[in-house]
Amino acid sequence: MDLAAFLATVENSVFTDWHKMNVTPVVAVYKPDIDISLAFACNVTDPFTEPWTQRFPDSHASSVQVWLRYKGQVVSTLNCVLVDGARYLVPLPEIVNAGGYRVPTAKMPMAELLFQLYGPAGVHTTAADALQHAQVAIV
């Protein structure tokens, strides 16, 4: 399996394709091919403070990496942020020149998968909903 096929497999999967193990860090194994797994909640910056993270009731946030692994080896990483006191995992937005924040639409399928695998623990049920609350544009 080459890297493009690996990434396409993960991006095209759905929440029910994964077996989530509540260990530290959280690990999810792709049921159709157990050589594919994700590990997330590996802290990069804690606390992580940007204006958009302050729009949640709990302003504590931390940046994390999600490791996409094949046969246990990290083959790709994604930068994400745990927001609202670690209730939600969302993609790290890009800074817009005008001072705003955005996430490209192409990144949303993966963002939604990771959001669901992490396990939302509040009123927001999708990554898009959480990003909208934080006034992060999806473009």
C-alpha atoms as a PDB file:
ATOM      1  CA  MET A   1       0.000   0.000   0.000  1.00  0.00           C
ATOM      2  CA  ASP A   2       1.439   3.385  -0.959  1.00  0.00           C
ATOM      3  CA  LEU A   3       0.951   6.590   1.044  1.00  0.00           C
ATOM      4  CA  ALA A   4      -1.775   7.973  -1.229  1.00  0.00           C
ATOM      5  CA  ALA A   5      -3.819   4.769  -0.935  1.00  0.00           C
ATOM      6  CA  PHE A   6      -3.292   4.729   2.824  1.00  0.00           C
ATOM      7  CA  LEU A   7      -4.492   8.327   3.230  1.00  0.00           C
ATOM      8  CA  ALA A   8      -7.469   7.717   0.933  1.00  0.00           C
ATOM      9  CA  THR A   9      -8.453   4.660   2.977  1.00  0.00           C
ATOM     10  CA  VAL A  10      -8.439   6.661   6.212  1.00  0.00           C
ATOM     11  CA  GLU A  11     -10.154   9.714   4.706  1.00  0.00           C
ATOM     12  CA  ASN A  12     -12.917   7.618   3.140  1.00  0.00           C
ATOM     13  CA  SER A  13     -13.597   5.582   6.261  1.00  0.00           C
ATOM     14  CA  VAL A  14     -16.434   6.217   8.701  1.00  0.00           C
ATOM     15  CA  PHE A  15     -16.603   6.120  12.485  1.00  0.00           C
ATOM     16  CA  THR A  16     -18.052   2.596  12.580  1.00  0.00           C
ATOM     17  CA  ASP A  17     -15.034   1.273  10.616  1.00  0.00           C
ATOM     18  CA  TRP A  18     -12.869   1.869  13.676  1.00  0.00           C
ATOM     19  CA  HIS A  19     -12.349   0.111  16.999  1.00  0.00           C
ATOM     20  CA  LYS A  20     -11.479   2.734  19.617  1.00  0.00           C
ATOM     21  CA  MET A  21      -9.385   1.693  22.584  1.00  0.00           C
ATOM     22  CA  ASN A  22      -9.483   4.014  25.573  1.00  0.00           C
ATOM     23  CA  VAL A  23      -5.814   3.910  26.442  1.00  0.00           C
ATOM     24  CA  THR A  24      -3.297   6.752  26.675  1.00  0.00           C
ATOM     25  CA  PRO A  25      -2.809   7.959  24.050  1.00  0.00           C
ATOM     26  CA  VAL A  26      -6.198   7.075  22.602  1.00  0.00           C
ATOM     27  CA  VAL A  27      -5.789   4.552  19.785  1.00  0.00           C
ATOM     28  CA  ALA A  28      -8.250   3.555  17.070  1.00  0.00           C
ATOM     29  CA  VAL A  29      -7.715   0.524  14.828  1.00  0.00           C
ATOM     30  CA  TYR A  30      -9.261   0.267  11.365  1.00  0.00           C
ATOM     31  CA  LYS A  31     -11.407  -2.892  11.477  1.00  0.00           C
ATOM     32  CA  PRO A  32     -11.091  -3.872   7.774  1.00  0.00           C
ATOM     33  CA  ASP A  33      -7.267  -3.700   7.981  1.00  0.00           C
ATOM     34  CA  ILE A  34      -5.754  -3.804  11.463  1.00  0.00           C
ATOM     35  CA  ASP A  35      -2.398  -2.637  10.058  1.00  0.00           C
ATOM     36  CA  ILE A  36      -3.976   0.852   9.938  1.00  0.00           C
ATOM     37  CA  SER A  37      -4.366   2.756  13.195  1.00  0.00           C
ATOM     38  CA  LEU A  38      -4.606   6.243  14.642  1.00  0.00           C
ATOM     39  CA  ALA A  39      -3.117   7.523  17.892  1.00  0.00           C
ATOM     40  CA  PHE A  40      -4.162  10.898  19.188  1.00  0.00           C
ATOM     41  CA  ALA A  41      -4.008  13.275  22.139  1.00  0.00           C
ATOM     42  CA  CYS A  42      -0.219  13.457  22.066  1.00  0.00           C
ATOM     43  CA  ASN A  43       0.220  16.988  23.480  1.00  0.00           C
ATOM     44  CA  VAL A  44       2.265  19.494  21.546  1.00  0.00           C
ATOM     45  CA  THR A  45       1.417  22.776  23.299  1.00  0.00           C
ATOM     46  CA  ASP A  46      -0.474  23.049  26.579  1.00  0.00           C
ATOM     47  CA  PRO A  47      -1.960  25.505  27.102  1.00  0.00           C
ATOM     48  CA  PHE A  48      -2.712  26.551  23.530  1.00  0.00           C
ATOM     49  CA  THR A  49      -4.259  30.017  23.413  1.00  0.00           C
ATOM     50  CA  GLU A  50      -5.649  31.778  20.356  1.00  0.00           C
ATOM     51  CA  PRO A  51      -8.690  34.088  20.188  1.00  0.00           C
ATOM     52  CA  TRP A  52     -10.901  31.393  18.617  1.00  0.00           C
ATOM     53  CA  THR A  53     -10.215  28.930  21.478  1.00  0.00           C
ATOM     54  CA  GLN A  54     -11.480  31.492  23.976  1.00  0.00           C
ATOM     55  CA  ARG A  55     -15.014  31.377  22.529  1.00  0.00           C
ATOM     56  CA  PHE A  56     -15.853  28.125  24.337  1.00  0.00           C
ATOM     57  CA  PRO A  57     -17.225  28.059  27.895  1.00  0.00           C
ATOM     58  CA  ASP A  58     -13.982  26.450  29.108  1.00  0.00           C
ATOM     59  CA  SER A  59     -11.177  28.443  27.474  1.00  0.00           C
ATOM     60  CA  HIS A  60      -8.481  25.840  28.154  1.00  0.00           C
ATOM     61  CA  ALA A  61      -7.157  24.308  24.944  1.00  0.00           C
ATOM     62  CA  SER A  62      -4.107  22.293  23.936  1.00  0.00           C
ATOM     63  CA  SER A  63      -2.634  21.483  20.568  1.00  0.00           C
ATOM     64  CA  VAL A  64      -2.139  17.807  19.799  1.00  0.00           C
ATOM     65  CA  GLN A  65      -0.908  15.632  17.002  1.00  0.00           C
ATOM     66  CA  VAL A  66      -2.844  12.753  15.568  1.00  0.00           C
ATOM     67  CA  TRP A  67      -0.582  10.037  14.246  1.00  0.00           C
ATOM     68  CA  LEU A  68      -1.746   8.019  11.256  1.00  0.00           C
ATOM     69  CA  ARG A  69       0.077   4.704  11.518  1.00  0.00           C
ATOM     70  CA  TYR A  70       0.658   1.728   9.266  1.00  0.00           C
ATOM     71  CA  LYS A  71       1.927  -1.436  10.947  1.00  0.00           C
ATOM     72  CA  GLY A  72       2.668   0.680  14.005  1.00  0.00           C
ATOM     73  CA  GLN A  73       4.833   3.208  12.153  1.00  0.00           C
ATOM     74  CA  VAL A  74       3.814   6.862  11.927  1.00  0.00           C
ATOM     75  CA  VAL A  75       3.377   7.692   8.233  1.00  0.00           C
ATOM     76  CA  SER A  76       1.531  11.000   8.552  1.00  0.00           C
ATOM     77  CA  THR A  77       0.622  13.491  11.259  1.00  0.00           C
ATOM     78  CA  LEU A  78      -2.267  15.905  11.638  1.00  0.00           C
ATOM     79  CA  ASN A  79      -2.255  18.965  13.873  1.00  0.00           C
ATOM     80  CA  CYS A  80      -5.404  19.365  15.926  1.00  0.00           C
ATOM     81  CA  VAL A  81      -6.615  21.240  18.981  1.00  0.00           C
ATOM     82  CA  LEU A  82      -8.486  19.971  22.013  1.00  0.00           C
ATOM     83  CA  VAL A  83     -10.884  22.788  22.883  1.00  0.00           C
ATOM     84  CA  ASP A  84     -13.449  23.566  25.577  1.00  0.00           C
ATOM     85  CA  GLY A  85     -11.482  21.819  28.298  1.00  0.00           C
ATOM     86  CA  ALA A  86     -10.765  18.809  26.012  1.00  0.00           C
ATOM     87  CA  ARG A  87     -14.439  18.230  25.152  1.00  0.00           C
ATOM     88  CA  TYR A  88     -13.767  18.434  21.405  1.00  0.00           C
ATOM     89  CA  LEU A  89     -10.980  17.638  18.958  1.00  0.00           C
ATOM     90  CA  VAL A  90     -10.911  19.974  15.939  1.00  0.00           C
ATOM     91  CA  PRO A  91      -8.365  20.623  13.174  1.00  0.00           C
ATOM     92  CA  LEU A  92      -5.860  23.415  13.714  1.00  0.00           C
ATOM     93  CA  PRO A  93      -7.223  26.346  11.682  1.00  0.00           C
ATOM     94  CA  GLU A  94      -5.160  28.446   9.303  1.00  0.00           C
ATOM     95  CA  ILE A  95      -4.800  32.145  10.096  1.00  0.00           C
ATOM     96  CA  VAL A  96      -6.416  34.437   7.516  1.00  0.00           C
ATOM     97  CA  ASN A  97      -4.631  37.704   6.676  1.00  0.00           C
ATOM     98  CA  ALA A  98      -7.640  39.702   7.878  1.00  0.00           C
ATOM     99  CA  GLY A  99      -7.221  38.233  11.364  1.00  0.00           C
ATOM    100  CA  GLY A 100      -9.736  35.431  11.125  1.00  0.00           C
ATOM    101  CA  TYR A 101      -9.348  31.665  11.010  1.00  0.00           C
ATOM    102  CA  ARG A 102     -10.331  29.017   8.485  1.00  0.00           C
ATOM    103  CA  VAL A 103     -10.246  25.304   7.772  1.00  0.00           C
ATOM    104  CA  PRO A 104     -10.280  24.171   4.138  1.00  0.00           C
ATOM    105  CA  THR A 105     -13.382  22.186   3.183  1.00  0.00           C
ATOM    106  CA  ALA A 106     -11.127  19.393   1.896  1.00  0.00           C
ATOM    107  CA  LYS A 107      -9.909  18.775   5.467  1.00  0.00           C
ATOM    108  CA  MET A 108     -13.408  18.389   6.918  1.00  0.00           C
ATOM    109  CA  PRO A 109     -14.033  14.680   6.188  1.00  0.00           C
ATOM    110  CA  MET A 110     -10.922  13.775   8.194  1.00  0.00           C
ATOM    111  CA  ALA A 111     -11.820  16.374  10.833  1.00  0.00           C
ATOM    112  CA  GLU A 112     -15.280  14.864  11.271  1.00  0.00           C
ATOM    113  CA  LEU A 113     -13.858  11.336  11.546  1.00  0.00           C
ATOM    114  CA  LEU A 114     -11.353  12.388  14.208  1.00  0.00           C
ATOM    115  CA  PHE A 115     -13.999  14.429  16.045  1.00  0.00           C
ATOM    116  CA  GLN A 116     -16.245  11.371  16.304  1.00  0.00           C
ATOM    117  CA  LEU A 117     -13.421   8.996  17.225  1.00  0.00           C
ATOM    118  CA  TYR A 118     -12.203  11.320  19.958  1.00  0.00           C
ATOM    119  CA  GLY A 119     -15.749  11.386  21.319  1.00  0.00           C
ATOM    120  CA  PRO A 120     -17.509  14.734  21.667  1.00  0.00           C
ATOM    121  CA  ALA A 121     -18.486  15.478  25.256  1.00  0.00           C
ATOM    122  CA  GLY A 122     -20.754  18.504  25.004  1.00  0.00           C
ATOM    123  CA  VAL A 123     -23.440  20.235  23.000  1.00  0.00           C
ATOM    124  CA  HIS A 124     -21.544  20.215  19.689  1.00  0.00           C
ATOM    125  CA  THR A 125     -22.093  17.016  17.714  1.00  0.00           C
ATOM    126  CA  THR A 126     -19.874  17.717  14.703  1.00  0.00           C
ATOM    127  CA  ALA A 127     -16.511  19.342  14.075  1.00  0.00           C
ATOM    128  CA  ALA A 128     -18.238  21.848  11.790  1.00  0.00           C
ATOM    129  CA  ASP A 129     -20.596  22.838  14.601  1.00  0.00           C
ATOM    130  CA  ALA A 130     -17.715  23.307  17.061  1.00  0.00           C
ATOM    131  CA  LEU A 131     -15.729  25.335  14.517  1.00  0.00           C
ATOM    132  CA  GLN A 132     -18.753  27.489  13.743  1.00  0.00           C
ATOM    133  CA  HIS A 133     -19.153  28.189  17.471  1.00  0.00           C
ATOM    134  CA  ALA A 134     -15.502  29.303  17.545  1.00  0.00           C
ATOM    135  CA  GLN A 135     -16.128  31.545  14.499  1.00  0.00           C
ATOM    136  CA  VAL A 136     -13.723  29.549  12.347  1.00  0.00           C
ATOM    137  CA  ALA A 137     -14.720  29.606   8.681  1.00  0.00           C
ATOM    138  CA  ILE A 138     -14.883  26.424   6.609  1.00  0.00           C
ATOM    139  CA  VAL A 139     -13.914  27.396   3.048  1.00  0.00           C
END
